[in-house]
Amino acid sequence: MAEAEREYYLKVKVKKFEGKFVVLETEDKQTIRWPIKNLPDDIQEGTSLRLVISTAKTDQEAREKLAQVVINKILDN
């Protein structure tokens, strides 16, 4: 039987801006400094985000699944 898919992520909220960085706060009040340039343009204080963690292998698998979905949609039309 195939192993169940699991997504690894952290729920965070934008706490404040510090120069070229934003301070993200986790649910258990830990903070992470993250480059603003690596976030969507519409970010503001209080915005909720999900930081998804993946390995090169899981990232490749996700791209392959997406490609298969796109191919199936094209072939069905």
C-alpha atoms as a PDB file:
ATOM      1  CA  MET A   1       0.000   0.000   0.000  1.00  0.00           C
ATOM      2  CA  ALA A   2       1.290   3.461  -0.877  1.00  0.00           C
ATOM      3  CA  GLU A   3       2.332   5.761   1.929  1.00  0.00           C
ATOM      4  CA  ALA A   4      -0.209   8.508   2.583  1.00  0.00           C
ATOM      5  CA  GLU A   5       0.800  11.890   1.222  1.00  0.00           C
ATOM      6  CA  ARG A   6       1.691  14.405   3.880  1.00  0.00           C
ATOM      7  CA  GLU A   7       2.329  18.083   3.517  1.00  0.00           C
ATOM      8  CA  TYR A   8       4.707  19.767   5.934  1.00  0.00           C
ATOM      9  CA  TYR A   9       4.025  23.413   6.693  1.00  0.00           C
ATOM     10  CA  LEU A  10       4.028  26.139   9.320  1.00  0.00           C
ATOM     11  CA  LYS A  11       1.174  28.586   9.805  1.00  0.00           C
ATOM     12  CA  VAL A  12       2.590  32.063  10.383  1.00  0.00           C
ATOM     13  CA  LYS A  13       1.368  35.625  10.574  1.00  0.00           C
ATOM     14  CA  VAL A  14       3.184  38.772   9.465  1.00  0.00           C
ATOM     15  CA  LYS A  15       4.091  40.535  12.702  1.00  0.00           C
ATOM     16  CA  LYS A  16       6.105  43.539  11.437  1.00  0.00           C
ATOM     17  CA  PHE A  17       8.466  44.842   8.784  1.00  0.00           C
ATOM     18  CA  GLU A  18      12.178  45.436   9.489  1.00  0.00           C
ATOM     19  CA  GLY A  19      14.012  46.975   6.538  1.00  0.00           C
ATOM     20  CA  LYS A  20      14.276  44.334   3.798  1.00  0.00           C
ATOM     21  CA  PHE A  21      12.809  41.661   6.070  1.00  0.00           C
ATOM     22  CA  VAL A  22       9.453  40.778   7.532  1.00  0.00           C
ATOM     23  CA  VAL A  23       9.088  39.181  10.945  1.00  0.00           C
ATOM     24  CA  LEU A  24       6.802  36.156  10.809  1.00  0.00           C
ATOM     25  CA  GLU A  25       5.286  34.738  13.984  1.00  0.00           C
ATOM     26  CA  THR A  26       4.330  31.074  14.353  1.00  0.00           C
ATOM     27  CA  GLU A  27       1.316  29.826  16.294  1.00  0.00           C
ATOM     28  CA  ASP A  28       3.562  29.098  19.287  1.00  0.00           C
ATOM     29  CA  LYS A  29       4.983  32.670  19.189  1.00  0.00           C
ATOM     30  CA  GLN A  30       8.389  31.844  17.657  1.00  0.00           C
ATOM     31  CA  THR A  31       9.626  34.405  15.129  1.00  0.00           C
ATOM     32  CA  ILE A  32      11.301  34.037  11.752  1.00  0.00           C
ATOM     33  CA  ARG A  33      12.957  36.828   9.737  1.00  0.00           C
ATOM     34  CA  TRP A  34      12.122  36.359   6.051  1.00  0.00           C
ATOM     35  CA  PRO A  35      13.221  38.443   3.028  1.00  0.00           C
ATOM     36  CA  ILE A  36      10.344  40.609   1.793  1.00  0.00           C
ATOM     37  CA  LYS A  37      11.436  39.955  -1.815  1.00  0.00           C
ATOM     38  CA  ASN A  38      10.482  36.271  -1.332  1.00  0.00           C
ATOM     39  CA  LEU A  39       6.868  37.050  -0.415  1.00  0.00           C
ATOM     40  CA  PRO A  40       3.806  38.108  -2.437  1.00  0.00           C
ATOM     41  CA  ASP A  41       3.500  41.851  -3.154  1.00  0.00           C
ATOM     42  CA  ASP A  42       0.255  42.312  -1.199  1.00  0.00           C
ATOM     43  CA  ILE A  43       1.729  41.318   2.186  1.00  0.00           C
ATOM     44  CA  GLN A  44       0.902  43.536   5.143  1.00  0.00           C
ATOM     45  CA  GLU A  45       0.989  43.280   8.934  1.00  0.00           C
ATOM     46  CA  GLY A  46      -1.479  40.657  10.131  1.00  0.00           C
ATOM     47  CA  THR A  47      -1.469  38.651   6.863  1.00  0.00           C
ATOM     48  CA  SER A  48      -1.696  34.890   7.496  1.00  0.00           C
ATOM     49  CA  LEU A  49       0.659  32.637   5.517  1.00  0.00           C
ATOM     50  CA  ARG A  50       1.597  28.963   5.181  1.00  0.00           C
ATOM     51  CA  LEU A  51       5.275  28.140   4.789  1.00  0.00           C
ATOM     52  CA  VAL A  52       5.470  24.805   2.975  1.00  0.00           C
ATOM     53  CA  ILE A  53       8.523  22.612   3.517  1.00  0.00           C
ATOM     54  CA  SER A  54       9.588  20.189   0.814  1.00  0.00           C
ATOM     55  CA  THR A  55      12.639  18.214  -0.208  1.00  0.00           C
ATOM     56  CA  ALA A  56      13.914  18.141  -3.769  1.00  0.00           C
ATOM     57  CA  LYS A  57      12.267  14.722  -4.142  1.00  0.00           C
ATOM     58  CA  THR A  58       8.823  15.795  -2.893  1.00  0.00           C
ATOM     59  CA  ASP A  59       9.031  18.987  -4.944  1.00  0.00           C
ATOM     60  CA  GLN A  60       9.786  16.962  -8.094  1.00  0.00           C
ATOM     61  CA  GLU A  61       6.916  14.578  -7.335  1.00  0.00           C
ATOM     62  CA  ALA A  62       4.513  17.510  -6.950  1.00  0.00           C
ATOM     63  CA  ARG A  63       5.620  18.966 -10.317  1.00  0.00           C
ATOM     64  CA  GLU A  64       5.152  15.581 -11.981  1.00  0.00           C
ATOM     65  CA  LYS A  65       1.630  15.213 -10.543  1.00  0.00           C
ATOM     66  CA  LEU A  66       0.706  18.704 -11.721  1.00  0.00           C
ATOM     67  CA  ALA A  67       2.084  17.960 -15.189  1.00  0.00           C
ATOM     68  CA  GLN A  68       0.004  14.767 -15.341  1.00  0.00           C
ATOM     69  CA  VAL A  69      -3.151  16.681 -14.371  1.00  0.00           C
ATOM     70  CA  VAL A  70      -2.500  19.245 -17.102  1.00  0.00           C
ATOM     71  CA  ILE A  71      -1.853  16.527 -19.711  1.00  0.00           C
ATOM     72  CA  ASN A  72      -5.060  14.717 -18.702  1.00  0.00           C
ATOM     73  CA  LYS A  73      -7.086  17.934 -19.022  1.00  0.00           C
ATOM     74  CA  ILE A  74      -5.626  18.625 -22.465  1.00  0.00           C
ATOM     75  CA  LEU A  75      -6.335  15.081 -23.668  1.00  0.00           C
ATOM     76  CA  ASP A  76      -9.891  15.144 -22.292  1.00  0.00           C
ATOM     77  CA  ASN A  77     -10.769  18.288 -24.283  1.00  0.00           C
END
